[in-house]
Amino acid sequence: MTVRFRQAIRDNGLGPRTETAPLAAYLAAEQRLGRVRADVDPEASARLLVAGCFHRAYIEMFVGADAGPAREVSAREIVRELRLEPVPQPA
């Protein structure tokens, strides 16, 4: 069953990159505009950002929404630690 599932994922162009590729492209575009730091790796950051979101969803589903930091706090922590906070633009 697992082999058939993997093949179906491949045959239909699905899989983990379908989640992260658009986000990585967005981060790269923001980087080119100077709104994301130049030293950020868009591909790695996209994977880690999605992983952080999945982790928060896992905690909420299996432990409870009140376990750990609130969604908003968790999101800010992830963005901060991945150095994805907006770069201040000159006025």
PDB file of N, CA and C in Angstrom:
ATOM      1  N   MET A   1       0.818  -1.170   0.000  1.00  0.00           N
ATOM      2  CA  MET A   1       0.000   0.000   0.000  1.00  0.00           C
ATOM      3  C   MET A   1       0.878   1.257   0.000  1.00  0.00           C
ATOM      4  N   THR A   2       1.923   1.256   0.788  1.00  0.00           N
ATOM      5  CA  THR A   2       2.808   2.419   0.842  1.00  0.00           C
ATOM      6  C   THR A   2       3.452   2.692  -0.507  1.00  0.00           C
ATOM      7  N   VAL A   3       3.865   1.650  -1.184  1.00  0.00           N
ATOM      8  CA  VAL A   3       4.497   1.811  -2.499  1.00  0.00           C
ATOM      9  C   VAL A   3       3.505   2.433  -3.475  1.00  0.00           C
ATOM     10  N   ARG A   4       2.257   1.959  -3.474  1.00  0.00           N
ATOM     11  CA  ARG A   4       1.239   2.525  -4.371  1.00  0.00           C
ATOM     12  C   ARG A   4       0.951   3.978  -4.016  1.00  0.00           C
ATOM     13  N   PHE A   5       0.902   4.276  -2.732  1.00  0.00           N
ATOM     14  CA  PHE A   5       0.670   5.655  -2.296  1.00  0.00           C
ATOM     15  C   PHE A   5       1.789   6.567  -2.790  1.00  0.00           C
ATOM     16  N   ARG A   6       3.025   6.148  -2.602  1.00  0.00           N
ATOM     17  CA  ARG A   6       4.167   6.947  -3.063  1.00  0.00           C
ATOM     18  C   ARG A   6       4.121   7.155  -4.571  1.00  0.00           C
ATOM     19  N   GLN A   7       3.779   6.105  -5.292  1.00  0.00           N
ATOM     20  CA  GLN A   7       3.697   6.221  -6.752  1.00  0.00           C
ATOM     21  C   GLN A   7       2.588   7.191  -7.157  1.00  0.00           C
ATOM     22  N   ALA A   8       1.451   7.128  -6.488  1.00  0.00           N
ATOM     23  CA  ALA A   8       0.346   8.048  -6.784  1.00  0.00           C
ATOM     24  C   ALA A   8       0.749   9.491  -6.507  1.00  0.00           C
ATOM     25  N   ILE A   9       1.487   9.698  -5.438  1.00  0.00           N
ATOM     26  CA  ILE A   9       1.982  11.043  -5.110  1.00  0.00           C
ATOM     27  C   ILE A   9       2.874  11.534  -6.243  1.00  0.00           C
ATOM     28  N   ARG A  10       3.816  10.711  -6.659  1.00  0.00           N
ATOM     29  CA  ARG A  10       4.731  11.094  -7.752  1.00  0.00           C
ATOM     30  C   ARG A  10       3.978  11.320  -9.054  1.00  0.00           C
ATOM     31  N   ASP A  11       3.075  10.405  -9.394  1.00  0.00           N
ATOM     32  CA  ASP A  11       2.341  10.490 -10.660  1.00  0.00           C
ATOM     33  C   ASP A  11       1.476  11.745 -10.757  1.00  0.00           C
ATOM     34  N   ASN A  12       1.024  12.244  -9.625  1.00  0.00           N
ATOM     35  CA  ASN A  12       0.129  13.401  -9.612  1.00  0.00           C
ATOM     36  C   ASN A  12       0.834  14.701  -9.247  1.00  0.00           C
ATOM     37  N   GLY A  13       2.166  14.664  -9.215  1.00  0.00           N
ATOM     38  CA  GLY A  13       2.920  15.882  -8.925  1.00  0.00           C
ATOM     39  C   GLY A  13       2.674  16.432  -7.534  1.00  0.00           C
ATOM     40  N   LEU A  14       2.402  15.540  -6.603  1.00  0.00           N
ATOM     41  CA  LEU A  14       2.157  15.962  -5.226  1.00  0.00           C
ATOM     42  C   LEU A  14       3.397  15.690  -4.386  1.00  0.00           C
ATOM     43  N   GLY A  15       3.290  15.945  -3.114  1.00  0.00           N
ATOM     44  CA  GLY A  15       4.400  15.675  -2.216  1.00  0.00           C
ATOM     45  C   GLY A  15       4.813  16.926  -1.474  1.00  0.00           C
ATOM     46  N   PRO A  16       5.844  16.809  -0.668  1.00  0.00           N
ATOM     47  CA  PRO A  16       6.233  17.912   0.208  1.00  0.00           C
ATOM     48  C   PRO A  16       6.607  19.195  -0.529  1.00  0.00           C
ATOM     49  N   ARG A  17       7.165  19.083  -1.713  1.00  0.00           N
ATOM     50  CA  ARG A  17       7.575  20.307  -2.423  1.00  0.00           C
ATOM     51  C   ARG A  17       6.380  21.126  -2.893  1.00  0.00           C
ATOM     52  N   THR A  18       5.212  20.489  -3.053  1.00  0.00           N
ATOM     53  CA  THR A  18       4.041  21.265  -3.463  1.00  0.00           C
ATOM     54  C   THR A  18       3.626  22.233  -2.366  1.00  0.00           C
ATOM     55  N   GLU A  19       3.991  21.930  -1.128  1.00  0.00           N
ATOM     56  CA  GLU A  19       3.683  22.826  -0.013  1.00  0.00           C
ATOM     57  C   GLU A  19       4.734  23.908   0.139  1.00  0.00           C
ATOM     58  N   THR A  20       5.975  23.555  -0.074  1.00  0.00           N
ATOM     59  CA  THR A  20       7.052  24.501   0.232  1.00  0.00           C
ATOM     60  C   THR A  20       7.531  25.313  -0.958  1.00  0.00           C
ATOM     61  N   ALA A  21       7.397  24.807  -2.173  1.00  0.00           N
ATOM     62  CA  ALA A  21       7.920  25.527  -3.344  1.00  0.00           C
ATOM     63  C   ALA A  21       7.294  26.910  -3.511  1.00  0.00           C
ATOM     64  N   PRO A  22       5.963  27.062  -3.403  1.00  0.00           N
ATOM     65  CA  PRO A  22       5.399  28.412  -3.540  1.00  0.00           C
ATOM     66  C   PRO A  22       5.869  29.353  -2.428  1.00  0.00           C
ATOM     67  N   LEU A  23       5.994  28.838  -1.224  1.00  0.00           N
ATOM     68  CA  LEU A  23       6.468  29.660  -0.113  1.00  0.00           C
ATOM     69  C   LEU A  23       7.922  30.057  -0.323  1.00  0.00           C
ATOM     70  N   ALA A  24       8.751  29.129  -0.777  1.00  0.00           N
ATOM     71  CA  ALA A  24      10.160  29.440  -1.055  1.00  0.00           C
ATOM     72  C   ALA A  24      10.263  30.488  -2.158  1.00  0.00           C
ATOM     73  N   ALA A  25       9.431  30.376  -3.187  1.00  0.00           N
ATOM     74  CA  ALA A  25       9.439  31.365  -4.271  1.00  0.00           C
ATOM     75  C   ALA A  25       9.033  32.739  -3.750  1.00  0.00           C
ATOM     76  N   TYR A  26       8.037  32.772  -2.877  1.00  0.00           N
ATOM     77  CA  TYR A  26       7.604  34.036  -2.275  1.00  0.00           C
ATOM     78  C   TYR A  26       8.729  34.650  -1.442  1.00  0.00           C
ATOM     79  N   LEU A  27       9.374  33.836  -0.612  1.00  0.00           N
ATOM     80  CA  LEU A  27      10.475  34.347   0.213  1.00  0.00           C
ATOM     81  C   LEU A  27      11.621  34.849  -0.655  1.00  0.00           C
ATOM     82  N   ALA A  28      11.926  34.149  -1.737  1.00  0.00           N
ATOM     83  CA  ALA A  28      12.987  34.590  -2.651  1.00  0.00           C
ATOM     84  C   ALA A  28      12.619  35.915  -3.311  1.00  0.00           C
ATOM     85  N   ALA A  29      11.352  36.065  -3.696  1.00  0.00           N
ATOM     86  CA  ALA A  29      10.907  37.328  -4.299  1.00  0.00           C
ATOM     87  C   ALA A  29      11.015  38.470  -3.293  1.00  0.00           C
ATOM     88  N   GLU A  30      10.607  38.218  -2.062  1.00  0.00           N
ATOM     89  CA  GLU A  30      10.727  39.242  -1.016  1.00  0.00           C
ATOM     90  C   GLU A  30      12.193  39.570  -0.750  1.00  0.00           C
ATOM     91  N   GLN A  31      13.037  38.570  -0.852  1.00  0.00           N
ATOM     92  CA  GLN A  31      14.480  38.766  -0.676  1.00  0.00           C
ATOM     93  C   GLN A  31      15.025  39.679  -1.770  1.00  0.00           C
ATOM     94  N   ARG A  32      14.628  39.441  -3.005  1.00  0.00           N
ATOM     95  CA  ARG A  32      15.082  40.285  -4.121  1.00  0.00           C
ATOM     96  C   ARG A  32      14.623  41.732  -3.950  1.00  0.00           C
ATOM     97  N   LEU A  33      13.473  41.919  -3.308  1.00  0.00           N
ATOM     98  CA  LEU A  33      12.953  43.266  -3.061  1.00  0.00           C
ATOM     99  C   LEU A  33      13.568  43.902  -1.818  1.00  0.00           C
ATOM    100  N   GLY A  34      14.405  43.139  -1.117  1.00  0.00           N
ATOM    101  CA  GLY A  34      15.068  43.664   0.073  1.00  0.00           C
ATOM    102  C   GLY A  34      14.230  43.602   1.333  1.00  0.00           C
ATOM    103  N   ARG A  35      13.122  42.880   1.296  1.00  0.00           N
ATOM    104  CA  ARG A  35      12.251  42.801   2.469  1.00  0.00           C
ATOM    105  C   ARG A  35      12.519  41.573   3.323  1.00  0.00           C
ATOM    106  N   VAL A  36      13.314  40.635   2.803  1.00  0.00           N
ATOM    107  CA  VAL A  36      13.790  39.476   3.565  1.00  0.00           C
ATOM    108  C   VAL A  36      15.306  39.522   3.504  1.00  0.00           C
ATOM    109  N   ARG A  37      15.927  39.235   4.624  1.00  0.00           N
ATOM    110  CA  ARG A  37      17.389  39.327   4.717  1.00  0.00           C
ATOM    111  C   ARG A  37      18.082  38.528   3.622  1.00  0.00           C
ATOM    112  N   ALA A  38      19.215  39.051   3.176  1.00  0.00           N
ATOM    113  CA  ALA A  38      19.978  38.421   2.093  1.00  0.00           C
ATOM    114  C   ALA A  38      20.573  37.080   2.510  1.00  0.00           C
ATOM    115  N   ASP A  39      20.824  36.879   3.803  1.00  0.00           N
ATOM    116  CA  ASP A  39      21.458  35.643   4.256  1.00  0.00           C
ATOM    117  C   ASP A  39      20.456  34.528   4.571  1.00  0.00           C
ATOM    118  N   VAL A  40      19.181  34.739   4.281  1.00  0.00           N
ATOM    119  CA  VAL A  40      18.153  33.726   4.507  1.00  0.00           C
ATOM    120  C   VAL A  40      18.130  32.760   3.323  1.00  0.00           C
ATOM    121  N   ASP A  41      18.040  31.473   3.608  1.00  0.00           N
ATOM    122  CA  ASP A  41      17.893  30.449   2.572  1.00  0.00           C
ATOM    123  C   ASP A  41      16.391  30.213   2.377  1.00  0.00           C
ATOM    124  N   PRO A  42      15.809  30.695   1.268  1.00  0.00           N
ATOM    125  CA  PRO A  42      14.359  30.575   1.086  1.00  0.00           C
ATOM    126  C   PRO A  42      13.845  29.135   1.115  1.00  0.00           C
ATOM    127  N   GLU A  43      14.581  28.208   0.514  1.00  0.00           N
ATOM    128  CA  GLU A  43      14.142  26.804   0.487  1.00  0.00           C
ATOM    129  C   GLU A  43      14.110  26.208   1.893  1.00  0.00           C
ATOM    130  N   ALA A  44      15.203  26.364   2.620  1.00  0.00           N
ATOM    131  CA  ALA A  44      15.273  25.817   3.979  1.00  0.00           C
ATOM    132  C   ALA A  44      14.260  26.505   4.886  1.00  0.00           C
ATOM    133  N   SER A  45      14.136  27.810   4.748  1.00  0.00           N
ATOM    134  CA  SER A  45      13.189  28.554   5.580  1.00  0.00           C
ATOM    135  C   SER A  45      11.759  28.108   5.313  1.00  0.00           C
ATOM    136  N   ALA A  46      11.426  27.866   4.059  1.00  0.00           N
ATOM    137  CA  ALA A  46      10.075  27.398   3.724  1.00  0.00           C
ATOM    138  C   ALA A  46       9.806  26.046   4.379  1.00  0.00           C
ATOM    139  N   ARG A  47      10.760  25.133   4.293  1.00  0.00           N
ATOM    140  CA  ARG A  47      10.578  23.809   4.915  1.00  0.00           C
ATOM    141  C   ARG A  47      10.425  23.937   6.432  1.00  0.00           C
ATOM    142  N   LEU A  48      11.251  24.760   7.050  1.00  0.00           N
ATOM    143  CA  LEU A  48      11.199  24.912   8.502  1.00  0.00           C
ATOM    144  C   LEU A  48       9.938  25.641   8.952  1.00  0.00           C
ATOM    145  N   LEU A  49       9.484  26.600   8.171  1.00  0.00           N
ATOM    146  CA  LEU A  49       8.254  27.314   8.498  1.00  0.00           C
ATOM    147  C   LEU A  49       7.059  26.360   8.459  1.00  0.00           C
ATOM    148  N   VAL A  50       6.977  25.553   7.416  1.00  0.00           N
ATOM    149  CA  VAL A  50       5.898  24.566   7.315  1.00  0.00           C
ATOM    150  C   VAL A  50       6.007  23.551   8.455  1.00  0.00           C
ATOM    151  N   ALA A  51       7.217  23.120   8.770  1.00  0.00           N
ATOM    152  CA  ALA A  51       7.409  22.166   9.870  1.00  0.00           C
ATOM    153  C   ALA A  51       6.924  22.752  11.191  1.00  0.00           C
ATOM    154  N   GLY A  52       7.229  24.014  11.435  1.00  0.00           N
ATOM    155  CA  GLY A  52       6.769  24.669  12.659  1.00  0.00           C
ATOM    156  C   GLY A  52       5.252  24.734  12.733  1.00  0.00           C
ATOM    157  N   CYS A  53       4.618  25.002  11.599  1.00  0.00           N
ATOM    158  CA  CYS A  53       3.152  25.047  11.551  1.00  0.00           C
ATOM    159  C   CYS A  53       2.559  23.663  11.798  1.00  0.00           C
ATOM    160  N   PHE A  54       3.156  22.645  11.178  1.00  0.00           N
ATOM    161  CA  PHE A  54       2.686  21.279  11.406  1.00  0.00           C
ATOM    162  C   PHE A  54       2.850  20.895  12.875  1.00  0.00           C
ATOM    163  N   HIS A  55       3.952  21.286  13.483  1.00  0.00           N
ATOM    164  CA  HIS A  55       4.176  20.968  14.893  1.00  0.00           C
ATOM    165  C   HIS A  55       3.107  21.613  15.758  1.00  0.00           C
ATOM    166  N   ARG A  56       2.808  22.883  15.500  1.00  0.00           N
ATOM    167  CA  ARG A  56       1.785  23.581  16.286  1.00  0.00           C
ATOM    168  C   ARG A  56       0.430  22.885  16.111  1.00  0.00           C
ATOM    169  N   ALA A  57       0.095  22.499  14.881  1.00  0.00           N
ATOM    170  CA  ALA A  57      -1.170  21.806  14.622  1.00  0.00           C
ATOM    171  C   ALA A  57      -1.210  20.462  15.348  1.00  0.00           C
ATOM    172  N   TYR A  58      -0.086  19.757  15.357  1.00  0.00           N
ATOM    173  CA  TYR A  58       0.009  18.474  16.055  1.00  0.00           C
ATOM    174  C   TYR A  58      -0.265  18.663  17.549  1.00  0.00           C
ATOM    175  N   ILE A  59       0.382  19.659  18.143  1.00  0.00           N
ATOM    176  CA  ILE A  59       0.189  19.933  19.570  1.00  0.00           C
ATOM    177  C   ILE A  59      -1.279  20.231  19.854  1.00  0.00           C
ATOM    178  N   GLU A  60      -1.877  21.107  19.047  1.00  0.00           N
ATOM    179  CA  GLU A  60      -3.285  21.453  19.258  1.00  0.00           C
ATOM    180  C   GLU A  60      -4.186  20.230  19.140  1.00  0.00           C
ATOM    181  N   MET A  61      -3.920  19.385  18.158  1.00  0.00           N
ATOM    182  CA  MET A  61      -4.790  18.236  17.923  1.00  0.00           C
ATOM    183  C   MET A  61      -4.652  17.169  19.009  1.00  0.00           C
ATOM    184  N   PHE A  62      -3.427  16.881  19.418  1.00  0.00           N
ATOM    185  CA  PHE A  62      -3.210  15.748  20.309  1.00  0.00           C
ATOM    186  C   PHE A  62      -3.024  16.117  21.775  1.00  0.00           C
ATOM    187  N   VAL A  63      -2.661  17.359  22.061  1.00  0.00           N
ATOM    188  CA  VAL A  63      -2.452  17.759  23.451  1.00  0.00           C
ATOM    189  C   VAL A  63      -3.492  18.783  23.880  1.00  0.00           C
ATOM    190  N   GLY A  64      -3.851  19.676  22.973  1.00  0.00           N
ATOM    191  CA  GLY A  64      -4.858  20.691  23.270  1.00  0.00           C
ATOM    192  C   GLY A  64      -4.365  22.075  22.895  1.00  0.00           C
ATOM    193  N   ALA A  65      -5.304  22.932  22.517  1.00  0.00           N
ATOM    194  CA  ALA A  65      -4.963  24.281  22.055  1.00  0.00           C
ATOM    195  C   ALA A  65      -4.293  25.108  23.141  1.00  0.00           C
ATOM    196  N   ASP A  66      -4.554  24.769  24.396  1.00  0.00           N
ATOM    197  CA  ASP A  66      -3.972  25.551  25.489  1.00  0.00           C
ATOM    198  C   ASP A  66      -2.572  25.078  25.870  1.00  0.00           C
ATOM    199  N   ALA A  67      -2.058  24.059  25.206  1.00  0.00           N
ATOM    200  CA  ALA A  67      -0.701  23.565  25.482  1.00  0.00           C
ATOM    201  C   ALA A  67       0.300  24.396  24.697  1.00  0.00           C
ATOM    202  N   GLY A  68       1.313  24.861  25.366  1.00  0.00           N
ATOM    203  CA  GLY A  68       2.340  25.651  24.687  1.00  0.00           C
ATOM    204  C   GLY A  68       1.852  27.053  24.387  1.00  0.00           C
ATOM    205  N   PRO A  69       2.651  27.792  23.631  1.00  0.00           N
ATOM    206  CA  PRO A  69       2.270  29.172  23.329  1.00  0.00           C
ATOM    207  C   PRO A  69       1.058  29.225  22.391  1.00  0.00           C
ATOM    208  N   ALA A  70       0.350  30.336  22.429  1.00  0.00           N
ATOM    209  CA  ALA A  70      -0.787  30.549  21.528  1.00  0.00           C
ATOM    210  C   ALA A  70      -0.301  30.532  20.081  1.00  0.00           C
ATOM    211  N   ARG A  71      -1.220  30.326  19.160  1.00  0.00           N
ATOM    212  CA  ARG A  71      -0.857  30.289  17.737  1.00  0.00           C
ATOM    213  C   ARG A  71      -0.083  31.530  17.313  1.00  0.00           C
ATOM    214  N   GLU A  72      -0.576  32.701  17.693  1.00  0.00           N
ATOM    215  CA  GLU A  72       0.054  33.952  17.279  1.00  0.00           C
ATOM    216  C   GLU A  72       1.473  34.060  17.828  1.00  0.00           C
ATOM    217  N   VAL A  73       1.636  33.667  19.077  1.00  0.00           N
ATOM    218  CA  VAL A  73       2.963  33.706  19.700  1.00  0.00           C
ATOM    219  C   VAL A  73       3.882  32.711  19.000  1.00  0.00           C
ATOM    220  N   SER A  74       3.376  31.526  18.762  1.00  0.00           N
ATOM    221  CA  SER A  74       4.161  30.501  18.079  1.00  0.00           C
ATOM    222  C   SER A  74       4.578  30.977  16.690  1.00  0.00           C
ATOM    223  N   ALA A  75       3.652  31.583  15.953  1.00  0.00           N
ATOM    224  CA  ALA A  75       3.968  32.087  14.609  1.00  0.00           C
ATOM    225  C   ALA A  75       5.055  33.155  14.669  1.00  0.00           C
ATOM    226  N   ARG A  76       4.938  34.078  15.621  1.00  0.00           N
ATOM    227  CA  ARG A  76       5.970  35.130  15.756  1.00  0.00           C
ATOM    228  C   ARG A  76       7.324  34.527  16.108  1.00  0.00           C
ATOM    229  N   GLU A  77       7.334  33.525  16.982  1.00  0.00           N
ATOM    230  CA  GLU A  77       8.593  32.868  17.347  1.00  0.00           C
ATOM    231  C   GLU A  77       9.249  32.219  16.134  1.00  0.00           C
ATOM    232  N   ILE A  78       8.456  31.510  15.351  1.00  0.00           N
ATOM    233  CA  ILE A  78       8.998  30.834  14.170  1.00  0.00           C
ATOM    234  C   ILE A  78       9.577  31.848  13.198  1.00  0.00           C
ATOM    235  N   VAL A  79       8.817  32.890  12.902  1.00  0.00           N
ATOM    236  CA  VAL A  79       9.275  33.926  11.965  1.00  0.00           C
ATOM    237  C   VAL A  79      10.549  34.585  12.483  1.00  0.00           C
ATOM    238  N   ARG A  80      10.577  34.896  13.776  1.00  0.00           N
ATOM    239  CA  ARG A  80      11.759  35.545  14.363  1.00  0.00           C
ATOM    240  C   ARG A  80      12.982  34.637  14.287  1.00  0.00           C
ATOM    241  N   GLU A  81      12.829  33.391  14.684  1.00  0.00           N
ATOM    242  CA  GLU A  81      13.978  32.489  14.732  1.00  0.00           C
ATOM    243  C   GLU A  81      14.480  32.101  13.348  1.00  0.00           C
ATOM    244  N   LEU A  82      13.619  32.163  12.348  1.00  0.00           N
ATOM    245  CA  LEU A  82      14.059  31.910  10.974  1.00  0.00           C
ATOM    246  C   LEU A  82      14.578  33.185  10.309  1.00  0.00           C
ATOM    247  N   ARG A  83      14.596  34.276  11.057  1.00  0.00           N
ATOM    248  CA  ARG A  83      15.068  35.587  10.569  1.00  0.00           C
ATOM    249  C   ARG A  83      14.237  36.053   9.372  1.00  0.00           C
ATOM    250  N   LEU A  84      12.927  35.843   9.468  1.00  0.00           N
ATOM    251  CA  LEU A  84      12.032  36.226   8.382  1.00  0.00           C
ATOM    252  C   LEU A  84      11.240  37.488   8.693  1.00  0.00           C
ATOM    253  N   GLU A  85      11.578  38.146   9.797  1.00  0.00           N
ATOM    254  CA  GLU A  85      10.901  39.406  10.095  1.00  0.00           C
ATOM    255  C   GLU A  85      11.210  40.404   8.991  1.00  0.00           C
ATOM    256  N   PRO A  86      10.252  41.255   8.650  1.00  0.00           N
ATOM    257  CA  PRO A  86      10.494  42.225   7.576  1.00  0.00           C
ATOM    258  C   PRO A  86      11.714  43.098   7.862  1.00  0.00           C
ATOM    259  N   VAL A  87      12.481  43.332   6.825  1.00  0.00           N
ATOM    260  CA  VAL A  87      13.635  44.225   6.921  1.00  0.00           C
ATOM    261  C   VAL A  87      13.099  45.650   6.899  1.00  0.00           C
ATOM    262  N   PRO A  88      13.512  46.484   7.853  1.00  0.00           N
ATOM    263  CA  PRO A  88      13.035  47.874   7.838  1.00  0.00           C
ATOM    264  C   PRO A  88      13.411  48.557   6.523  1.00  0.00           C
ATOM    265  N   GLN A  89      12.442  49.226   5.937  1.00  0.00           N
ATOM    266  CA  GLN A  89      12.663  49.940   4.680  1.00  0.00           C
ATOM    267  C   GLN A  89      12.910  51.413   4.980  1.00  0.00           C
ATOM    268  N   PRO A  90      13.812  52.048   4.234  1.00  0.00           N
ATOM    269  CA  PRO A  90      14.050  53.475   4.447  1.00  0.00           C
ATOM    270  C   PRO A  90      12.781  54.274   4.165  1.00  0.00           C
ATOM    271  N   ALA A  91      12.602  55.311   4.940  1.00  0.00           N
ATOM    272  CA  ALA A  91      11.401  56.158   4.775  1.00  0.00           C
ATOM    273  C   ALA A  91      11.511  57.074   3.582  1.00  0.00           C
TER     274      ALA A  91
END
